[in-house]
Amino acid sequence: MTNAITYPAAYNVLSCEEMTYTEGGVGVVEAAMAWFPLYGWYKAVSAIHDYRKANINSNWVENGMNALVAHAEKSPTNTIHDIGCSFWFIGSCATIIGLVPNALLIFGN
């Protein structure tokens, strides 16, 4: 007896990149929610934190900006979402009060 996995003849494996195009990227509701202060700020800080942890040994700031631009170019809703999140993140960094919590959240475990 062999343990073999058999797939249907029409089975296709999709990469994460292809799934973004299949699923359409960010939805309209999520793109609109990014313009609300707390949600947009939270999504931005958590995305930067996750990207930094995944790319700790690389130039994650420059590469992260390139990844943000690449994500925004995939669809109009991604662009709206990314601009909203960036707006709230930059706005919070512009204040000294917001800069410290942002740094603690991004560089924390």
PDB file of N, CA and C in Angstrom:
ATOM      1  N   MET A   1       0.843  -1.179   0.000  1.00  0.00           N
ATOM      2  CA  MET A   1       0.000   0.000   0.000  1.00  0.00           C
ATOM      3  C   MET A   1       0.892   1.248   0.000  1.00  0.00           C
ATOM      4  N   THR A   2       0.619   2.153  -0.900  1.00  0.00           N
ATOM      5  CA  THR A   2       1.383   3.394  -0.969  1.00  0.00           C
ATOM      6  C   THR A   2       0.508   4.564  -0.545  1.00  0.00           C
ATOM      7  N   ASN A   3       1.122   5.501   0.059  1.00  0.00           N
ATOM      8  CA  ASN A   3       0.431   6.728   0.452  1.00  0.00           C
ATOM      9  C   ASN A   3       0.685   7.785  -0.611  1.00  0.00           C
ATOM     10  N   ALA A   4      -0.161   7.839  -1.592  1.00  0.00           N
ATOM     11  CA  ALA A   4      -0.005   8.788  -2.687  1.00  0.00           C
ATOM     12  C   ALA A   4      -1.214   9.704  -2.728  1.00  0.00           C
ATOM     13  N   ILE A   5      -0.966  10.959  -2.965  1.00  0.00           N
ATOM     14  CA  ILE A   5      -2.043  11.932  -3.112  1.00  0.00           C
ATOM     15  C   ILE A   5      -2.316  12.087  -4.601  1.00  0.00           C
ATOM     16  N   THR A   6      -3.556  11.918  -4.965  1.00  0.00           N
ATOM     17  CA  THR A   6      -3.928  12.121  -6.364  1.00  0.00           C
ATOM     18  C   THR A   6      -4.890  13.300  -6.448  1.00  0.00           C
ATOM     19  N   TYR A   7      -4.673  14.126  -7.422  1.00  0.00           N
ATOM     20  CA  TYR A   7      -5.482  15.318  -7.623  1.00  0.00           C
ATOM     21  C   TYR A   7      -6.354  15.152  -8.856  1.00  0.00           C
ATOM     22  N   PRO A   8      -7.458  15.858  -8.912  1.00  0.00           N
ATOM     23  CA  PRO A   8      -8.275  15.822 -10.129  1.00  0.00           C
ATOM     24  C   PRO A   8      -7.480  16.352 -11.327  1.00  0.00           C
ATOM     25  N   ALA A   9      -7.910  15.990 -12.510  1.00  0.00           N
ATOM     26  CA  ALA A   9      -7.209  16.390 -13.730  1.00  0.00           C
ATOM     27  C   ALA A   9      -7.181  17.901 -13.905  1.00  0.00           C
ATOM     28  N   ALA A  10      -8.185  18.629 -13.385  1.00  0.00           N
ATOM     29  CA  ALA A  10      -8.269  20.081 -13.568  1.00  0.00           C
ATOM     30  C   ALA A  10      -7.643  20.843 -12.400  1.00  0.00           C
ATOM     31  N   TYR A  11      -6.869  20.176 -11.560  1.00  0.00           N
ATOM     32  CA  TYR A  11      -6.279  20.804 -10.379  1.00  0.00           C
ATOM     33  C   TYR A  11      -5.108  21.703 -10.768  1.00  0.00           C
ATOM     34  N   ASN A  12      -5.075  22.924 -10.225  1.00  0.00           N
ATOM     35  CA  ASN A  12      -3.977  23.865 -10.470  1.00  0.00           C
ATOM     36  C   ASN A  12      -3.478  24.403  -9.143  1.00  0.00           C
ATOM     37  N   VAL A  13      -2.182  24.506  -9.016  1.00  0.00           N
ATOM     38  CA  VAL A  13      -1.585  25.086  -7.827  1.00  0.00           C
ATOM     39  C   VAL A  13      -1.332  26.562  -8.106  1.00  0.00           C
ATOM     40  N   LEU A  14      -1.786  27.440  -7.204  1.00  0.00           N
ATOM     41  CA  LEU A  14      -1.590  28.879  -7.366  1.00  0.00           C
ATOM     42  C   LEU A  14      -0.637  29.391  -6.297  1.00  0.00           C
ATOM     43  N   SER A  15       0.246  30.278  -6.678  1.00  0.00           N
ATOM     44  CA  SER A  15       1.130  30.913  -5.711  1.00  0.00           C
ATOM     45  C   SER A  15       0.362  32.011  -4.990  1.00  0.00           C
ATOM     46  N   CYS A  16       0.952  32.560  -3.941  1.00  0.00           N
ATOM     47  CA  CYS A  16       0.315  33.654  -3.204  1.00  0.00           C
ATOM     48  C   CYS A  16       0.092  34.856  -4.110  1.00  0.00           C
ATOM     49  N   GLU A  17       1.052  35.112  -5.001  1.00  0.00           N
ATOM     50  CA  GLU A  17       0.929  36.223  -5.945  1.00  0.00           C
ATOM     51  C   GLU A  17      -0.282  36.039  -6.843  1.00  0.00           C
ATOM     52  N   GLU A  18      -0.474  34.826  -7.335  1.00  0.00           N
ATOM     53  CA  GLU A  18      -1.623  34.547  -8.197  1.00  0.00           C
ATOM     54  C   GLU A  18      -2.937  34.600  -7.432  1.00  0.00           C
ATOM     55  N   MET A  19      -2.908  34.214  -6.155  1.00  0.00           N
ATOM     56  CA  MET A  19      -4.126  34.264  -5.339  1.00  0.00           C
ATOM     57  C   MET A  19      -4.598  35.699  -5.147  1.00  0.00           C
ATOM     58  N   THR A  20      -3.672  36.648  -5.066  1.00  0.00           N
ATOM     59  CA  THR A  20      -4.057  38.055  -4.941  1.00  0.00           C
ATOM     60  C   THR A  20      -4.879  38.483  -6.144  1.00  0.00           C
ATOM     61  N   TYR A  21      -4.438  38.074  -7.328  1.00  0.00           N
ATOM     62  CA  TYR A  21      -5.190  38.427  -8.530  1.00  0.00           C
ATOM     63  C   TYR A  21      -6.520  37.672  -8.581  1.00  0.00           C
ATOM     64  N   THR A  22      -6.533  36.430  -8.128  1.00  0.00           N
ATOM     65  CA  THR A  22      -7.756  35.633  -8.131  1.00  0.00           C
ATOM     66  C   THR A  22      -8.778  36.193  -7.149  1.00  0.00           C
ATOM     67  N   GLU A  23      -8.312  36.548  -5.956  1.00  0.00           N
ATOM     68  CA  GLU A  23      -9.198  37.062  -4.918  1.00  0.00           C
ATOM     69  C   GLU A  23      -9.473  38.549  -5.090  1.00  0.00           C
ATOM     70  N   GLY A  24      -8.702  39.222  -5.890  1.00  0.00           N
ATOM     71  CA  GLY A  24      -8.921  40.641  -6.125  1.00  0.00           C
ATOM     72  C   GLY A  24      -8.179  41.558  -5.168  1.00  0.00           C
ATOM     73  N   GLY A  25      -7.299  41.039  -4.329  1.00  0.00           N
ATOM     74  CA  GLY A  25      -6.548  41.882  -3.396  1.00  0.00           C
ATOM     75  C   GLY A  25      -7.432  42.367  -2.267  1.00  0.00           C
ATOM     76  N   VAL A  26      -7.250  43.606  -1.874  1.00  0.00           N
ATOM     77  CA  VAL A  26      -8.014  44.202  -0.785  1.00  0.00           C
ATOM     78  C   VAL A  26      -9.437  44.458  -1.272  1.00  0.00           C
ATOM     79  N   GLY A  27     -10.403  44.153  -0.422  1.00  0.00           N
ATOM     80  CA  GLY A  27     -11.797  44.390  -0.780  1.00  0.00           C
ATOM     81  C   GLY A  27     -12.173  45.859  -0.623  1.00  0.00           C
ATOM     82  N   VAL A  28     -13.318  46.207  -1.145  1.00  0.00           N
ATOM     83  CA  VAL A  28     -13.791  47.597  -1.102  1.00  0.00           C
ATOM     84  C   VAL A  28     -14.010  48.050   0.335  1.00  0.00           C
ATOM     85  N   VAL A  29     -14.575  47.189   1.169  1.00  0.00           N
ATOM     86  CA  VAL A  29     -14.836  47.557   2.567  1.00  0.00           C
ATOM     87  C   VAL A  29     -13.525  47.785   3.308  1.00  0.00           C
ATOM     88  N   GLU A  30     -12.553  46.893   3.109  1.00  0.00           N
ATOM     89  CA  GLU A  30     -11.266  47.055   3.780  1.00  0.00           C
ATOM     90  C   GLU A  30     -10.541  48.307   3.285  1.00  0.00           C
ATOM     91  N   ALA A  31     -10.670  48.619   1.998  1.00  0.00           N
ATOM     92  CA  ALA A  31     -10.054  49.837   1.460  1.00  0.00           C
ATOM     93  C   ALA A  31     -10.683  51.074   2.083  1.00  0.00           C
ATOM     94  N   ALA A  32     -11.997  51.059   2.266  1.00  0.00           N
ATOM     95  CA  ALA A  32     -12.676  52.196   2.898  1.00  0.00           C
ATOM     96  C   ALA A  32     -12.333  52.294   4.381  1.00  0.00           C
ATOM     97  N   MET A  33     -12.230  51.160   5.047  1.00  0.00           N
ATOM     98  CA  MET A  33     -11.912  51.153   6.483  1.00  0.00           C
ATOM     99  C   MET A  33     -10.517  51.714   6.760  1.00  0.00           C
ATOM    100  N   ALA A  34      -9.613  51.615   5.796  1.00  0.00           N
ATOM    101  CA  ALA A  34      -8.252  52.123   5.992  1.00  0.00           C
ATOM    102  C   ALA A  34      -8.231  53.626   6.213  1.00  0.00           C
ATOM    103  N   TRP A  35      -9.302  54.314   5.848  1.00  0.00           N
ATOM    104  CA  TRP A  35      -9.364  55.763   6.033  1.00  0.00           C
ATOM    105  C   TRP A  35      -9.909  56.156   7.403  1.00  0.00           C
ATOM    106  N   PHE A  36     -10.294  55.173   8.220  1.00  0.00           N
ATOM    107  CA  PHE A  36     -10.669  55.458   9.605  1.00  0.00           C
ATOM    108  C   PHE A  36      -9.406  55.413  10.448  1.00  0.00           C
ATOM    109  N   PRO A  37      -9.211  56.421  11.320  1.00  0.00           N
ATOM    110  CA  PRO A  37      -7.918  56.575  12.001  1.00  0.00           C
ATOM    111  C   PRO A  37      -7.386  55.336  12.707  1.00  0.00           C
ATOM    112  N   LEU A  38      -8.127  54.751  13.592  1.00  0.00           N
ATOM    113  CA  LEU A  38      -7.589  53.649  14.386  1.00  0.00           C
ATOM    114  C   LEU A  38      -7.312  52.417  13.523  1.00  0.00           C
ATOM    115  N   TYR A  39      -8.230  52.085  12.630  1.00  0.00           N
ATOM    116  CA  TYR A  39      -8.047  50.914  11.772  1.00  0.00           C
ATOM    117  C   TYR A  39      -6.881  51.110  10.811  1.00  0.00           C
ATOM    118  N   GLY A  40      -6.808  52.251  10.145  1.00  0.00           N
ATOM    119  CA  GLY A  40      -5.724  52.515   9.205  1.00  0.00           C
ATOM    120  C   GLY A  40      -4.365  52.510   9.877  1.00  0.00           C
ATOM    121  N   TRP A  41      -4.295  53.120  11.055  1.00  0.00           N
ATOM    122  CA  TRP A  41      -3.038  53.151  11.803  1.00  0.00           C
ATOM    123  C   TRP A  41      -2.638  51.742  12.215  1.00  0.00           C
ATOM    124  N   TYR A  42      -3.599  50.974  12.744  1.00  0.00           N
ATOM    125  CA  TYR A  42      -3.311  49.613  13.202  1.00  0.00           C
ATOM    126  C   TYR A  42      -2.832  48.724  12.055  1.00  0.00           C
ATOM    127  N   LYS A  43      -3.505  48.785  10.908  1.00  0.00           N
ATOM    128  CA  LYS A  43      -3.096  47.971   9.761  1.00  0.00           C
ATOM    129  C   LYS A  43      -1.690  48.344   9.289  1.00  0.00           C
ATOM    130  N   ALA A  44      -1.374  49.631   9.310  1.00  0.00           N
ATOM    131  CA  ALA A  44      -0.048  50.074   8.884  1.00  0.00           C
ATOM    132  C   ALA A  44       1.030  49.583   9.838  1.00  0.00           C
ATOM    133  N   VAL A  45       0.826  49.788  11.136  1.00  0.00           N
ATOM    134  CA  VAL A  45       1.834  49.390  12.127  1.00  0.00           C
ATOM    135  C   VAL A  45       2.012  47.877  12.135  1.00  0.00           C
ATOM    136  N   SER A  46       0.915  47.125  12.068  1.00  0.00           N
ATOM    137  CA  SER A  46       1.044  45.668  12.084  1.00  0.00           C
ATOM    138  C   SER A  46       1.711  45.150  10.805  1.00  0.00           C
ATOM    139  N   ALA A  47       1.432  45.775   9.659  1.00  0.00           N
ATOM    140  CA  ALA A  47       2.080  45.355   8.411  1.00  0.00           C
ATOM    141  C   ALA A  47       3.578  45.647   8.441  1.00  0.00           C
ATOM    142  N   ILE A  48       3.957  46.803   8.968  1.00  0.00           N
ATOM    143  CA  ILE A  48       5.391  47.133   9.064  1.00  0.00           C
ATOM    144  C   ILE A  48       6.084  46.191  10.034  1.00  0.00           C
ATOM    145  N   HIS A  49       5.444  45.915  11.159  1.00  0.00           N
ATOM    146  CA  HIS A  49       6.015  45.000  12.158  1.00  0.00           C
ATOM    147  C   HIS A  49       6.221  43.607  11.554  1.00  0.00           C
ATOM    148  N   ASP A  50       5.203  43.088  10.883  1.00  0.00           N
ATOM    149  CA  ASP A  50       5.302  41.753  10.280  1.00  0.00           C
ATOM    150  C   ASP A  50       6.362  41.709   9.184  1.00  0.00           C
ATOM    151  N   TYR A  51       6.447  42.755   8.366  1.00  0.00           N
ATOM    152  CA  TYR A  51       7.441  42.788   7.298  1.00  0.00           C
ATOM    153  C   TYR A  51       8.853  42.859   7.884  1.00  0.00           C
ATOM    154  N   ARG A  52       9.041  43.664   8.928  1.00  0.00           N
ATOM    155  CA  ARG A  52      10.356  43.779   9.558  1.00  0.00           C
ATOM    156  C   ARG A  52      10.791  42.455  10.156  1.00  0.00           C
ATOM    157  N   LYS A  53       9.866  41.748  10.815  1.00  0.00           N
ATOM    158  CA  LYS A  53      10.219  40.454  11.414  1.00  0.00           C
ATOM    159  C   LYS A  53      10.543  39.414  10.350  1.00  0.00           C
ATOM    160  N   ALA A  54       9.857  39.452   9.227  1.00  0.00           N
ATOM    161  CA  ALA A  54      10.103  38.488   8.153  1.00  0.00           C
ATOM    162  C   ALA A  54      11.394  38.793   7.393  1.00  0.00           C
ATOM    163  N   ASN A  55      11.838  40.043   7.410  1.00  0.00           N
ATOM    164  CA  ASN A  55      13.018  40.462   6.639  1.00  0.00           C
ATOM    165  C   ASN A  55      14.038  41.142   7.542  1.00  0.00           C
ATOM    166  N   ILE A  56      14.316  40.552   8.675  1.00  0.00           N
ATOM    167  CA  ILE A  56      15.164  41.172   9.700  1.00  0.00           C
ATOM    168  C   ILE A  56      16.601  41.379   9.226  1.00  0.00           C
ATOM    169  N   ASN A  57      17.114  40.514   8.357  1.00  0.00           N
ATOM    170  CA  ASN A  57      18.511  40.612   7.944  1.00  0.00           C
ATOM    171  C   ASN A  57      18.722  41.401   6.661  1.00  0.00           C
ATOM    172  N   SER A  58      17.657  41.968   6.119  1.00  0.00           N
ATOM    173  CA  SER A  58      17.799  42.731   4.883  1.00  0.00           C
ATOM    174  C   SER A  58      17.570  44.214   5.170  1.00  0.00           C
ATOM    175  N   ASN A  59      17.690  45.008   4.157  1.00  0.00           N
ATOM    176  CA  ASN A  59      17.388  46.429   4.274  1.00  0.00           C
ATOM    177  C   ASN A  59      15.865  46.568   4.217  1.00  0.00           C
ATOM    178  N   TRP A  60      15.200  46.284   5.323  1.00  0.00           N
ATOM    179  CA  TRP A  60      13.745  46.167   5.334  1.00  0.00           C
ATOM    180  C   TRP A  60      13.033  47.489   5.107  1.00  0.00           C
ATOM    181  N   VAL A  61      13.677  48.621   5.379  1.00  0.00           N
ATOM    182  CA  VAL A  61      13.016  49.911   5.143  1.00  0.00           C
ATOM    183  C   VAL A  61      12.875  50.158   3.641  1.00  0.00           C
ATOM    184  N   GLU A  62      13.980  50.061   2.918  1.00  0.00           N
ATOM    185  CA  GLU A  62      13.941  50.297   1.467  1.00  0.00           C
ATOM    186  C   GLU A  62      13.132  49.211   0.756  1.00  0.00           C
ATOM    187  N   ASN A  63      13.372  47.965   1.112  1.00  0.00           N
ATOM    188  CA  ASN A  63      12.639  46.870   0.488  1.00  0.00           C
ATOM    189  C   ASN A  63      11.153  46.927   0.836  1.00  0.00           C
ATOM    190  N   GLY A  64      10.843  47.372   2.040  1.00  0.00           N
ATOM    191  CA  GLY A  64       9.450  47.506   2.455  1.00  0.00           C
ATOM    192  C   GLY A  64       8.715  48.563   1.655  1.00  0.00           C
ATOM    193  N   MET A  65       9.390  49.647   1.353  1.00  0.00           N
ATOM    194  CA  MET A  65       8.775  50.687   0.518  1.00  0.00           C
ATOM    195  C   MET A  65       8.511  50.154  -0.892  1.00  0.00           C
ATOM    196  N   ASN A  66       9.457  49.378  -1.421  1.00  0.00           N
ATOM    197  CA  ASN A  66       9.256  48.770  -2.740  1.00  0.00           C
ATOM    198  C   ASN A  66       8.094  47.777  -2.702  1.00  0.00           C
ATOM    199  N   ALA A  67       7.970  47.019  -1.613  1.00  0.00           N
ATOM    200  CA  ALA A  67       6.863  46.070  -1.477  1.00  0.00           C
ATOM    201  C   ALA A  67       5.532  46.804  -1.367  1.00  0.00           C
ATOM    202  N   LEU A  68       5.520  47.938  -0.674  1.00  0.00           N
ATOM    203  CA  LEU A  68       4.293  48.744  -0.555  1.00  0.00           C
ATOM    204  C   LEU A  68       3.849  49.253  -1.928  1.00  0.00           C
ATOM    205  N   VAL A  69       4.794  49.755  -2.696  1.00  0.00           N
ATOM    206  CA  VAL A  69       4.471  50.256  -4.039  1.00  0.00           C
ATOM    207  C   VAL A  69       3.976  49.114  -4.925  1.00  0.00           C
ATOM    208  N   ALA A  70       4.633  47.958  -4.852  1.00  0.00           N
ATOM    209  CA  ALA A  70       4.213  46.810  -5.659  1.00  0.00           C
ATOM    210  C   ALA A  70       2.806  46.355  -5.270  1.00  0.00           C
ATOM    211  N   HIS A  71       2.500  46.380  -3.975  1.00  0.00           N
ATOM    212  CA  HIS A  71       1.158  45.991  -3.518  1.00  0.00           C
ATOM    213  C   HIS A  71       0.122  47.002  -3.987  1.00  0.00           C
ATOM    214  N   ALA A  72       0.444  48.279  -3.911  1.00  0.00           N
ATOM    215  CA  ALA A  72      -0.498  49.323  -4.315  1.00  0.00           C
ATOM    216  C   ALA A  72      -0.787  49.282  -5.809  1.00  0.00           C
ATOM    217  N   GLU A  73       0.174  48.852  -6.612  1.00  0.00           N
ATOM    218  CA  GLU A  73      -0.009  48.819  -8.066  1.00  0.00           C
ATOM    219  C   GLU A  73      -0.861  47.653  -8.547  1.00  0.00           C
ATOM    220  N   LYS A  74      -1.180  46.704  -7.682  1.00  0.00           N
ATOM    221  CA  LYS A  74      -1.925  45.516  -8.111  1.00  0.00           C
ATOM    222  C   LYS A  74      -3.382  45.807  -8.431  1.00  0.00           C
ATOM    223  N   SER A  75      -4.009  46.730  -7.705  1.00  0.00           N
ATOM    224  CA  SER A  75      -5.419  47.033  -7.979  1.00  0.00           C
ATOM    225  C   SER A  75      -5.764  48.404  -7.403  1.00  0.00           C
ATOM    226  N   PRO A  76      -6.826  49.021  -7.887  1.00  0.00           N
ATOM    227  CA  PRO A  76      -7.242  50.328  -7.349  1.00  0.00           C
ATOM    228  C   PRO A  76      -7.619  50.274  -5.864  1.00  0.00           C
ATOM    229  N   THR A  77      -8.246  49.173  -5.442  1.00  0.00           N
ATOM    230  CA  THR A  77      -8.601  49.081  -4.022  1.00  0.00           C
ATOM    231  C   THR A  77      -7.360  48.929  -3.151  1.00  0.00           C
ATOM    232  N   ASN A  78      -6.339  48.226  -3.640  1.00  0.00           N
ATOM    233  CA  ASN A  78      -5.078  48.162  -2.906  1.00  0.00           C
ATOM    234  C   ASN A  78      -4.469  49.555  -2.766  1.00  0.00           C
ATOM    235  N   THR A  79      -4.534  50.342  -3.823  1.00  0.00           N
ATOM    236  CA  THR A  79      -3.988  51.700  -3.790  1.00  0.00           C
ATOM    237  C   THR A  79      -4.708  52.551  -2.761  1.00  0.00           C
ATOM    238  N   ILE A  80      -6.038  52.508  -2.760  1.00  0.00           N
ATOM    239  CA  ILE A  80      -6.815  53.284  -1.793  1.00  0.00           C
ATOM    240  C   ILE A  80      -6.494  52.842  -0.368  1.00  0.00           C
ATOM    241  N   HIS A  81      -6.416  51.531  -0.164  1.00  0.00           N
ATOM    242  CA  HIS A  81      -6.092  50.984   1.158  1.00  0.00           C
ATOM    243  C   HIS A  81      -4.710  51.435   1.617  1.00  0.00           C
ATOM    244  N   ASP A  82      -3.711  51.281   0.766  1.00  0.00           N
ATOM    245  CA  ASP A  82      -2.341  51.604   1.143  1.00  0.00           C
ATOM    246  C   ASP A  82      -2.146  53.099   1.386  1.00  0.00           C
ATOM    247  N   ILE A  83      -2.805  53.934   0.616  1.00  0.00           N
ATOM    248  CA  ILE A  83      -2.707  55.382   0.840  1.00  0.00           C
ATOM    249  C   ILE A  83      -3.344  55.743   2.182  1.00  0.00           C
ATOM    250  N   GLY A  84      -4.503  55.155   2.482  1.00  0.00           N
ATOM    251  CA  GLY A  84      -5.161  55.427   3.758  1.00  0.00           C
ATOM    252  C   GLY A  84      -4.319  55.004   4.940  1.00  0.00           C
ATOM    253  N   CYS A  85      -3.774  53.791   4.892  1.00  0.00           N
ATOM    254  CA  CYS A  85      -2.924  53.309   5.986  1.00  0.00           C
ATOM    255  C   CYS A  85      -1.670  54.166   6.125  1.00  0.00           C
ATOM    256  N   SER A  86      -1.066  54.509   5.000  1.00  0.00           N
ATOM    257  CA  SER A  86       0.142  55.348   5.034  1.00  0.00           C
ATOM    258  C   SER A  86      -0.159  56.724   5.611  1.00  0.00           C
ATOM    259  N   PHE A  87      -1.309  57.272   5.248  1.00  0.00           N
ATOM    260  CA  PHE A  87      -1.708  58.590   5.754  1.00  0.00           C
ATOM    261  C   PHE A  87      -1.785  58.589   7.275  1.00  0.00           C
ATOM    262  N   TRP A  88      -2.467  57.603   7.848  1.00  0.00           N
ATOM    263  CA  TRP A  88      -2.613  57.565   9.299  1.00  0.00           C
ATOM    264  C   TRP A  88      -1.303  57.228   9.996  1.00  0.00           C
ATOM    265  N   PHE A  89      -0.465  56.403   9.383  1.00  0.00           N
ATOM    266  CA  PHE A  89       0.820  56.083   9.990  1.00  0.00           C
ATOM    267  C   PHE A  89       1.736  57.304   9.992  1.00  0.00           C
ATOM    268  N   ILE A  90       1.839  57.985   8.866  1.00  0.00           N
ATOM    269  CA  ILE A  90       2.698  59.176   8.786  1.00  0.00           C
ATOM    270  C   ILE A  90       2.166  60.270   9.704  1.00  0.00           C
ATOM    271  N   GLY A  91       0.846  60.414   9.751  1.00  0.00           N
ATOM    272  CA  GLY A  91       0.241  61.398  10.649  1.00  0.00           C
ATOM    273  C   GLY A  91       0.555  61.120  12.103  1.00  0.00           C
ATOM    274  N   SER A  92       0.547  59.857  12.479  1.00  0.00           N
ATOM    275  CA  SER A  92       0.865  59.529  13.875  1.00  0.00           C
ATOM    276  C   SER A  92       2.355  59.692  14.159  1.00  0.00           C
ATOM    277  N   CYS A  93       3.201  59.461  13.161  1.00  0.00           N
ATOM    278  CA  CYS A  93       4.643  59.652  13.348  1.00  0.00           C
ATOM    279  C   CYS A  93       5.014  61.127  13.414  1.00  0.00           C
ATOM    280  N   ALA A  94       4.188  61.988  12.836  1.00  0.00           N
ATOM    281  CA  ALA A  94       4.482  63.421  12.829  1.00  0.00           C
ATOM    282  C   ALA A  94       4.363  64.027  14.219  1.00  0.00           C
ATOM    283  N   THR A  95       3.674  63.365  15.105  1.00  0.00           N
ATOM    284  CA  THR A  95       3.573  63.851  16.483  1.00  0.00           C
ATOM    285  C   THR A  95       4.561  63.076  17.341  1.00  0.00           C
ATOM    286  N   ILE A  96       5.161  63.735  18.276  1.00  0.00           N
ATOM    287  CA  ILE A  96       6.105  63.066  19.183  1.00  0.00           C
ATOM    288  C   ILE A  96       5.365  62.019  20.015  1.00  0.00           C
ATOM    289  N   ILE A  97       4.127  62.299  20.353  1.00  0.00           N
ATOM    290  CA  ILE A  97       3.346  61.364  21.159  1.00  0.00           C
ATOM    291  C   ILE A  97       3.103  60.067  20.395  1.00  0.00           C
ATOM    292  N   GLY A  98       2.889  60.137  19.101  1.00  0.00           N
ATOM    293  CA  GLY A  98       2.631  58.947  18.304  1.00  0.00           C
ATOM    294  C   GLY A  98       3.883  58.220  17.858  1.00  0.00           C
ATOM    295  N   LEU A  99       4.989  58.919  17.764  1.00  0.00           N
ATOM    296  CA  LEU A  99       6.226  58.313  17.279  1.00  0.00           C
ATOM    297  C   LEU A  99       6.741  57.221  18.214  1.00  0.00           C
ATOM    298  N   VAL A 100       6.687  57.466  19.507  1.00  0.00           N
ATOM    299  CA  VAL A 100       7.201  56.492  20.476  1.00  0.00           C
ATOM    300  C   VAL A 100       6.397  55.192  20.459  1.00  0.00           C
ATOM    301  N   PRO A 101       5.045  55.224  20.548  1.00  0.00           N
ATOM    302  CA  PRO A 101       4.302  53.953  20.468  1.00  0.00           C
ATOM    303  C   PRO A 101       4.500  53.226  19.130  1.00  0.00           C
ATOM    304  N   ASN A 102       4.601  53.979  18.046  1.00  0.00           N
ATOM    305  CA  ASN A 102       4.842  53.336  16.747  1.00  0.00           C
ATOM    306  C   ASN A 102       6.147  52.571  16.757  1.00  0.00           C
ATOM    307  N   ALA A 103       7.198  53.194  17.266  1.00  0.00           N
ATOM    308  CA  ALA A 103       8.510  52.544  17.313  1.00  0.00           C
ATOM    309  C   ALA A 103       8.465  51.318  18.219  1.00  0.00           C
ATOM    310  N   LEU A 104       7.799  51.426  19.371  1.00  0.00           N
ATOM    311  CA  LEU A 104       7.709  50.291  20.278  1.00  0.00           C
ATOM    312  C   LEU A 104       6.939  49.130  19.641  1.00  0.00           C
ATOM    313  N   LEU A 105       5.889  49.421  18.921  1.00  0.00           N
ATOM    314  CA  LEU A 105       5.105  48.361  18.283  1.00  0.00           C
ATOM    315  C   LEU A 105       5.845  47.736  17.108  1.00  0.00           C
ATOM    316  N   ILE A 106       6.554  48.538  16.332  1.00  0.00           N
ATOM    317  CA  ILE A 106       7.252  48.017  15.165  1.00  0.00           C
ATOM    318  C   ILE A 106       8.472  47.193  15.585  1.00  0.00           C
ATOM    319  N   PHE A 107       9.235  47.687  16.552  1.00  0.00           N
ATOM    320  CA  PHE A 107      10.457  47.007  16.943  1.00  0.00           C
ATOM    321  C   PHE A 107      10.271  46.009  18.070  1.00  0.00           C
ATOM    322  N   GLY A 108       9.045  45.897  18.604  1.00  0.00           N
ATOM    323  CA  GLY A 108       8.764  44.924  19.666  1.00  0.00           C
ATOM    324  C   GLY A 108       8.695  43.524  19.111  1.00  0.00           C
ATOM    325  N   ASN A 109       8.596  42.584  20.014  1.00  0.00           N
ATOM    326  CA  ASN A 109       8.497  41.168  19.596  1.00  0.00           C
ATOM    327  C   ASN A 109       7.156  40.964  19.018  1.00  0.00           C
TER     328      ASN A 109
END
